[in-house]
Protein backbone atom coordinates (compact mmCIF):
# COMPACT_ATOMS: atom_id res chain seq x y z
CA UNK A 1 0.00 0.00 0.00
CA UNK A 2 1.44 3.34 -1.07
CA UNK A 3 1.08 6.52 0.89
CA UNK A 4 0.37 9.93 -0.60
CA UNK A 5 3.74 11.68 -0.85
CA UNK A 6 2.41 15.00 -2.15
CA UNK A 7 3.45 17.97 -0.07
CA UNK A 8 0.22 19.81 -0.77
CA UNK A 9 -3.21 18.28 -0.89
CA UNK A 10 -4.83 18.59 -4.34
CA UNK A 11 -8.27 20.03 -5.02
CA UNK A 12 -10.97 17.61 -6.09
CA UNK A 13 -12.88 19.43 -8.84
CA UNK A 14 -16.19 18.72 -7.16
CA UNK A 15 -14.74 20.18 -4.00
CA UNK A 16 -16.34 20.80 -0.66
CA UNK A 17 -16.73 24.45 0.17
CA UNK A 18 -18.59 26.82 2.46
CA UNK A 19 -20.58 29.88 1.55
CA UNK A 20 -20.30 32.45 4.32
CA UNK A 21 -23.26 34.78 4.70
CA UNK A 22 -22.92 36.04 8.24
CA UNK A 23 -24.11 35.09 10.74
CA UNK A 24 -24.56 31.75 8.91
CA UNK A 25 -22.13 29.42 7.18
CA UNK A 26 -23.53 26.98 4.61
CA UNK A 27 -21.86 23.79 3.41
CA UNK A 28 -21.86 23.71 -0.40
CA UNK A 29 -20.31 21.68 -3.18
CA UNK A 30 -18.21 23.48 -5.78
CA UNK A 31 -19.66 22.63 -9.20
CA UNK A 32 -17.55 24.87 -11.44
CA UNK A 33 -15.30 27.90 -11.01
CA UNK A 34 -13.28 30.54 -12.82
CA UNK A 35 -11.58 33.72 -11.68
CA UNK A 36 -14.82 35.59 -12.48
CA UNK A 37 -17.43 33.35 -10.88
CA UNK A 38 -18.40 30.05 -9.32
CA UNK A 39 -21.33 27.67 -9.22
CA UNK A 40 -22.11 25.82 -6.02
CA UNK A 41 -24.65 23.22 -5.06
CA UNK A 42 -26.35 23.71 -1.74
CA UNK A 43 -26.62 20.89 0.79
CA UNK A 44 -30.02 21.90 2.19
CA UNK A 45 -31.78 25.23 2.45
CA UNK A 46 -30.17 28.64 2.79
CA UNK A 47 -31.37 32.15 3.35
CA UNK A 48 -29.30 33.53 0.49
CA UNK A 49 -30.78 35.73 -2.23
CA UNK A 50 -29.57 37.31 -5.45
CA UNK A 51 -27.71 40.49 -4.51
CA UNK A 52 -26.34 39.16 -1.20
CA UNK A 53 -22.63 39.59 -0.51
CA UNK A 54 -20.91 36.38 0.61
CA UNK A 55 -17.51 34.74 0.91
CA UNK A 56 -16.74 31.44 -0.79
CA UNK A 57 -14.17 29.26 0.95
CA UNK A 58 -12.95 26.27 -1.09
CA UNK A 59 -11.48 23.32 0.81
CA UNK A 60 -8.78 20.81 -0.12
CA UNK A 61 -9.53 17.09 -0.18
CA UNK A 62 -8.18 16.93 3.38
CA UNK A 63 -10.64 19.60 4.53
CA UNK A 64 -8.15 22.47 4.89
CA UNK A 65 -8.84 25.92 3.49
CA UNK A 66 -7.50 26.17 -0.06
CA UNK A 67 -8.57 29.73 -0.71
CA UNK A 68 -11.35 32.21 0.00
CA UNK A 69 -12.87 34.94 -2.17
CA UNK A 70 -15.48 37.65 -1.75
CA UNK A 71 -18.49 37.08 -3.98
CA UNK A 72 -21.87 38.48 -4.95
CA UNK A 73 -24.84 36.12 -5.42
CA UNK A 74 -25.95 36.69 -9.01
CA UNK A 75 -27.97 33.50 -9.70
CA UNK A 76 -30.16 31.30 -7.57
CA UNK A 77 -32.14 28.27 -8.76
CA UNK A 78 -32.96 24.71 -7.76
CA UNK A 79 -29.83 23.65 -9.65
CA UNK A 80 -27.45 25.83 -7.68
CA UNK A 81 -26.16 29.23 -6.70
CA UNK A 82 -24.01 31.33 -9.00
CA UNK A 83 -21.68 33.90 -7.51
CA UNK A 84 -19.66 36.61 -9.23
CA UNK A 85 -16.10 37.08 -8.05
CA UNK A 86 -15.25 40.76 -8.43
CA UNK A 87 -11.81 40.82 -6.87
CA UNK A 88 -9.48 37.98 -6.10
CA UNK A 89 -6.30 38.06 -4.01
CA UNK A 90 -3.08 37.00 -5.74
CA UNK A 91 -2.68 33.84 -3.61
CA UNK A 92 -6.31 32.83 -4.17
CA UNK A 93 -5.89 33.37 -7.91
CA UNK A 94 -2.78 31.16 -7.93
CA UNK A 95 -4.60 28.42 -6.01
CA UNK A 96 -7.56 28.68 -8.38
CA UNK A 97 -5.31 28.41 -11.43
CA UNK A 98 -3.75 25.25 -9.93
CA UNK A 99 -7.23 23.81 -9.29
CA UNK A 100 -8.28 24.39 -12.89
CA UNK A 101 -5.00 23.23 -14.41
CA UNK A 102 -4.82 20.04 -12.32
CA UNK A 103 -8.41 19.04 -12.85
CA UNK A 104 -9.35 20.35 -16.29
CA UNK A 105 -5.97 20.60 -17.98
CA UNK A 106 -6.35 24.06 -19.52
CA UNK A 107 -6.10 27.52 -18.03
CA UNK A 108 -8.35 28.96 -20.78
CA UNK A 109 -11.27 27.83 -18.62
CA UNK A 110 -10.13 30.19 -15.85
CA UNK A 111 -11.40 33.22 -17.76
CA UNK A 112 -15.05 32.14 -18.12
CA UNK A 113 -17.75 34.54 -16.96
CA UNK A 114 -20.65 33.50 -14.74
CA UNK A 115 -23.08 33.29 -17.73
CA UNK A 116 -20.60 30.93 -19.45
CA UNK A 117 -20.38 28.78 -16.30
CA UNK A 118 -24.19 28.62 -16.10
CA UNK A 119 -24.51 27.69 -19.76
CA UNK A 120 -21.83 25.00 -19.50
CA UNK A 121 -23.36 23.37 -16.44
CA UNK A 122 -27.10 24.03 -16.38
CA UNK A 123 -28.25 24.45 -19.98
CA UNK A 124 -28.28 20.73 -20.79
CA UNK A 125 -29.81 19.45 -17.56
CA UNK A 126 -32.70 16.98 -17.90
CA UNK A 127 -36.22 18.20 -17.28
CA UNK A 128 -37.84 15.50 -15.19
C-alpha atoms as a PDB file:
ATOM      1  CA  UNK A   1       0.000   0.000   0.000  1.00  0.00           C
ATOM      2  CA  UNK A   2       1.440   3.337  -1.072  1.00  0.00           C
ATOM      3  CA  UNK A   3       1.077   6.523   0.888  1.00  0.00           C
ATOM      4  CA  UNK A   4       0.369   9.930  -0.596  1.00  0.00           C
ATOM      5  CA  UNK A   5       3.737  11.684  -0.848  1.00  0.00           C
ATOM      6  CA  UNK A   6       2.411  15.002  -2.152  1.00  0.00           C
ATOM      7  CA  UNK A   7       3.454  17.968  -0.072  1.00  0.00           C
ATOM      8  CA  UNK A   8       0.221  19.807  -0.766  1.00  0.00           C
ATOM      9  CA  UNK A   9      -3.213  18.283  -0.890  1.00  0.00           C
ATOM     10  CA  UNK A  10      -4.829  18.588  -4.338  1.00  0.00           C
ATOM     11  CA  UNK A  11      -8.270  20.026  -5.024  1.00  0.00           C
ATOM     12  CA  UNK A  12     -10.967  17.605  -6.093  1.00  0.00           C
ATOM     13  CA  UNK A  13     -12.876  19.431  -8.839  1.00  0.00           C
ATOM     14  CA  UNK A  14     -16.193  18.720  -7.156  1.00  0.00           C
ATOM     15  CA  UNK A  15     -14.738  20.182  -3.999  1.00  0.00           C
ATOM     16  CA  UNK A  16     -16.338  20.804  -0.661  1.00  0.00           C
ATOM     17  CA  UNK A  17     -16.729  24.448   0.174  1.00  0.00           C
ATOM     18  CA  UNK A  18     -18.587  26.819   2.457  1.00  0.00           C
ATOM     19  CA  UNK A  19     -20.578  29.882   1.548  1.00  0.00           C
ATOM     20  CA  UNK A  20     -20.298  32.449   4.319  1.00  0.00           C
ATOM     21  CA  UNK A  21     -23.263  34.783   4.702  1.00  0.00           C
ATOM     22  CA  UNK A  22     -22.922  36.041   8.244  1.00  0.00           C
ATOM     23  CA  UNK A  23     -24.115  35.094  10.735  1.00  0.00           C
ATOM     24  CA  UNK A  24     -24.556  31.754   8.909  1.00  0.00           C
ATOM     25  CA  UNK A  25     -22.126  29.421   7.178  1.00  0.00           C
ATOM     26  CA  UNK A  26     -23.528  26.978   4.613  1.00  0.00           C
ATOM     27  CA  UNK A  27     -21.860  23.792   3.406  1.00  0.00           C
ATOM     28  CA  UNK A  28     -21.863  23.708  -0.396  1.00  0.00           C
ATOM     29  CA  UNK A  29     -20.311  21.676  -3.185  1.00  0.00           C
ATOM     30  CA  UNK A  30     -18.210  23.477  -5.777  1.00  0.00           C
ATOM     31  CA  UNK A  31     -19.655  22.626  -9.202  1.00  0.00           C
ATOM     32  CA  UNK A  32     -17.548  24.874 -11.442  1.00  0.00           C
ATOM     33  CA  UNK A  33     -15.303  27.897 -11.006  1.00  0.00           C
ATOM     34  CA  UNK A  34     -13.281  30.536 -12.821  1.00  0.00           C
ATOM     35  CA  UNK A  35     -11.579  33.725 -11.676  1.00  0.00           C
ATOM     36  CA  UNK A  36     -14.824  35.586 -12.485  1.00  0.00           C
ATOM     37  CA  UNK A  37     -17.430  33.347 -10.884  1.00  0.00           C
ATOM     38  CA  UNK A  38     -18.402  30.054  -9.315  1.00  0.00           C
ATOM     39  CA  UNK A  39     -21.331  27.671  -9.220  1.00  0.00           C
ATOM     40  CA  UNK A  40     -22.109  25.820  -6.017  1.00  0.00           C
ATOM     41  CA  UNK A  41     -24.654  23.217  -5.063  1.00  0.00           C
ATOM     42  CA  UNK A  42     -26.352  23.711  -1.744  1.00  0.00           C
ATOM     43  CA  UNK A  43     -26.623  20.886   0.788  1.00  0.00           C
ATOM     44  CA  UNK A  44     -30.018  21.900   2.194  1.00  0.00           C
ATOM     45  CA  UNK A  45     -31.775  25.233   2.450  1.00  0.00           C
ATOM     46  CA  UNK A  46     -30.168  28.641   2.787  1.00  0.00           C
ATOM     47  CA  UNK A  47     -31.373  32.149   3.350  1.00  0.00           C
ATOM     48  CA  UNK A  48     -29.298  33.532   0.493  1.00  0.00           C
ATOM     49  CA  UNK A  49     -30.784  35.734  -2.226  1.00  0.00           C
ATOM     50  CA  UNK A  50     -29.568  37.314  -5.446  1.00  0.00           C
ATOM     51  CA  UNK A  51     -27.709  40.490  -4.506  1.00  0.00           C
ATOM     52  CA  UNK A  52     -26.340  39.161  -1.204  1.00  0.00           C
ATOM     53  CA  UNK A  53     -22.627  39.594  -0.509  1.00  0.00           C
ATOM     54  CA  UNK A  54     -20.908  36.378   0.606  1.00  0.00           C
ATOM     55  CA  UNK A  55     -17.515  34.735   0.909  1.00  0.00           C
ATOM     56  CA  UNK A  56     -16.742  31.437  -0.792  1.00  0.00           C
ATOM     57  CA  UNK A  57     -14.169  29.260   0.952  1.00  0.00           C
ATOM     58  CA  UNK A  58     -12.953  26.272  -1.092  1.00  0.00           C
ATOM     59  CA  UNK A  59     -11.476  23.321   0.812  1.00  0.00           C
ATOM     60  CA  UNK A  60      -8.782  20.808  -0.119  1.00  0.00           C
ATOM     61  CA  UNK A  61      -9.526  17.092  -0.184  1.00  0.00           C
ATOM     62  CA  UNK A  62      -8.181  16.931   3.376  1.00  0.00           C
ATOM     63  CA  UNK A  63     -10.635  19.600   4.529  1.00  0.00           C
ATOM     64  CA  UNK A  64      -8.155  22.467   4.885  1.00  0.00           C
ATOM     65  CA  UNK A  65      -8.838  25.922   3.488  1.00  0.00           C
ATOM     66  CA  UNK A  66      -7.502  26.166  -0.056  1.00  0.00           C
ATOM     67  CA  UNK A  67      -8.571  29.733  -0.709  1.00  0.00           C
ATOM     68  CA  UNK A  68     -11.350  32.211   0.004  1.00  0.00           C
ATOM     69  CA  UNK A  69     -12.871  34.940  -2.167  1.00  0.00           C
ATOM     70  CA  UNK A  70     -15.481  37.650  -1.746  1.00  0.00           C
ATOM     71  CA  UNK A  71     -18.488  37.082  -3.981  1.00  0.00           C
ATOM     72  CA  UNK A  72     -21.872  38.479  -4.947  1.00  0.00           C
ATOM     73  CA  UNK A  73     -24.840  36.119  -5.417  1.00  0.00           C
ATOM     74  CA  UNK A  74     -25.954  36.687  -9.012  1.00  0.00           C
ATOM     75  CA  UNK A  75     -27.967  33.505  -9.701  1.00  0.00           C
ATOM     76  CA  UNK A  76     -30.162  31.297  -7.567  1.00  0.00           C
ATOM     77  CA  UNK A  77     -32.135  28.273  -8.757  1.00  0.00           C
ATOM     78  CA  UNK A  78     -32.959  24.714  -7.760  1.00  0.00           C
ATOM     79  CA  UNK A  79     -29.828  23.655  -9.646  1.00  0.00           C
ATOM     80  CA  UNK A  80     -27.449  25.830  -7.681  1.00  0.00           C
ATOM     81  CA  UNK A  81     -26.158  29.228  -6.698  1.00  0.00           C
ATOM     82  CA  UNK A  82     -24.012  31.326  -9.003  1.00  0.00           C
ATOM     83  CA  UNK A  83     -21.678  33.896  -7.509  1.00  0.00           C
ATOM     84  CA  UNK A  84     -19.664  36.607  -9.226  1.00  0.00           C
ATOM     85  CA  UNK A  85     -16.101  37.079  -8.048  1.00  0.00           C
ATOM     86  CA  UNK A  86     -15.254  40.757  -8.431  1.00  0.00           C
ATOM     87  CA  UNK A  87     -11.806  40.816  -6.867  1.00  0.00           C
ATOM     88  CA  UNK A  88      -9.484  37.976  -6.095  1.00  0.00           C
ATOM     89  CA  UNK A  89      -6.302  38.056  -4.014  1.00  0.00           C
ATOM     90  CA  UNK A  90      -3.080  36.996  -5.744  1.00  0.00           C
ATOM     91  CA  UNK A  91      -2.678  33.842  -3.605  1.00  0.00           C
ATOM     92  CA  UNK A  92      -6.306  32.833  -4.165  1.00  0.00           C
ATOM     93  CA  UNK A  93      -5.894  33.371  -7.908  1.00  0.00           C
ATOM     94  CA  UNK A  94      -2.782  31.163  -7.928  1.00  0.00           C
ATOM     95  CA  UNK A  95      -4.599  28.415  -6.010  1.00  0.00           C
ATOM     96  CA  UNK A  96      -7.563  28.677  -8.375  1.00  0.00           C
ATOM     97  CA  UNK A  97      -5.312  28.411 -11.427  1.00  0.00           C
ATOM     98  CA  UNK A  98      -3.747  25.250  -9.933  1.00  0.00           C
ATOM     99  CA  UNK A  99      -7.228  23.806  -9.295  1.00  0.00           C
ATOM    100  CA  UNK A 100      -8.285  24.391 -12.894  1.00  0.00           C
ATOM    101  CA  UNK A 101      -4.998  23.226 -14.409  1.00  0.00           C
ATOM    102  CA  UNK A 102      -4.816  20.040 -12.322  1.00  0.00           C
ATOM    103  CA  UNK A 103      -8.415  19.043 -12.853  1.00  0.00           C
ATOM    104  CA  UNK A 104      -9.348  20.352 -16.294  1.00  0.00           C
ATOM    105  CA  UNK A 105      -5.965  20.598 -17.982  1.00  0.00           C
ATOM    106  CA  UNK A 106      -6.347  24.060 -19.518  1.00  0.00           C
ATOM    107  CA  UNK A 107      -6.097  27.522 -18.027  1.00  0.00           C
ATOM    108  CA  UNK A 108      -8.350  28.957 -20.776  1.00  0.00           C
ATOM    109  CA  UNK A 109     -11.267  27.828 -18.616  1.00  0.00           C
ATOM    110  CA  UNK A 110     -10.133  30.187 -15.847  1.00  0.00           C
ATOM    111  CA  UNK A 111     -11.399  33.224 -17.764  1.00  0.00           C
ATOM    112  CA  UNK A 112     -15.050  32.143 -18.120  1.00  0.00           C
ATOM    113  CA  UNK A 113     -17.746  34.543 -16.960  1.00  0.00           C
ATOM    114  CA  UNK A 114     -20.650  33.499 -14.745  1.00  0.00           C
ATOM    115  CA  UNK A 115     -23.076  33.285 -17.735  1.00  0.00           C
ATOM    116  CA  UNK A 116     -20.596  30.934 -19.452  1.00  0.00           C
ATOM    117  CA  UNK A 117     -20.376  28.777 -16.301  1.00  0.00           C
ATOM    118  CA  UNK A 118     -24.191  28.624 -16.097  1.00  0.00           C
ATOM    119  CA  UNK A 119     -24.506  27.686 -19.763  1.00  0.00           C
ATOM    120  CA  UNK A 120     -21.829  25.001 -19.504  1.00  0.00           C
ATOM    121  CA  UNK A 121     -23.355  23.375 -16.440  1.00  0.00           C
ATOM    122  CA  UNK A 122     -27.102  24.033 -16.380  1.00  0.00           C
ATOM    123  CA  UNK A 123     -28.255  24.448 -19.983  1.00  0.00           C
ATOM    124  CA  UNK A 124     -28.285  20.733 -20.792  1.00  0.00           C
ATOM    125  CA  UNK A 125     -29.812  19.451 -17.559  1.00  0.00           C
ATOM    126  CA  UNK A 126     -32.700  16.977 -17.902  1.00  0.00           C
ATOM    127  CA  UNK A 127     -36.221  18.205 -17.278  1.00  0.00           C
ATOM    128  CA  UNK A 128     -37.844  15.505 -15.189  1.00  0.00           C
END
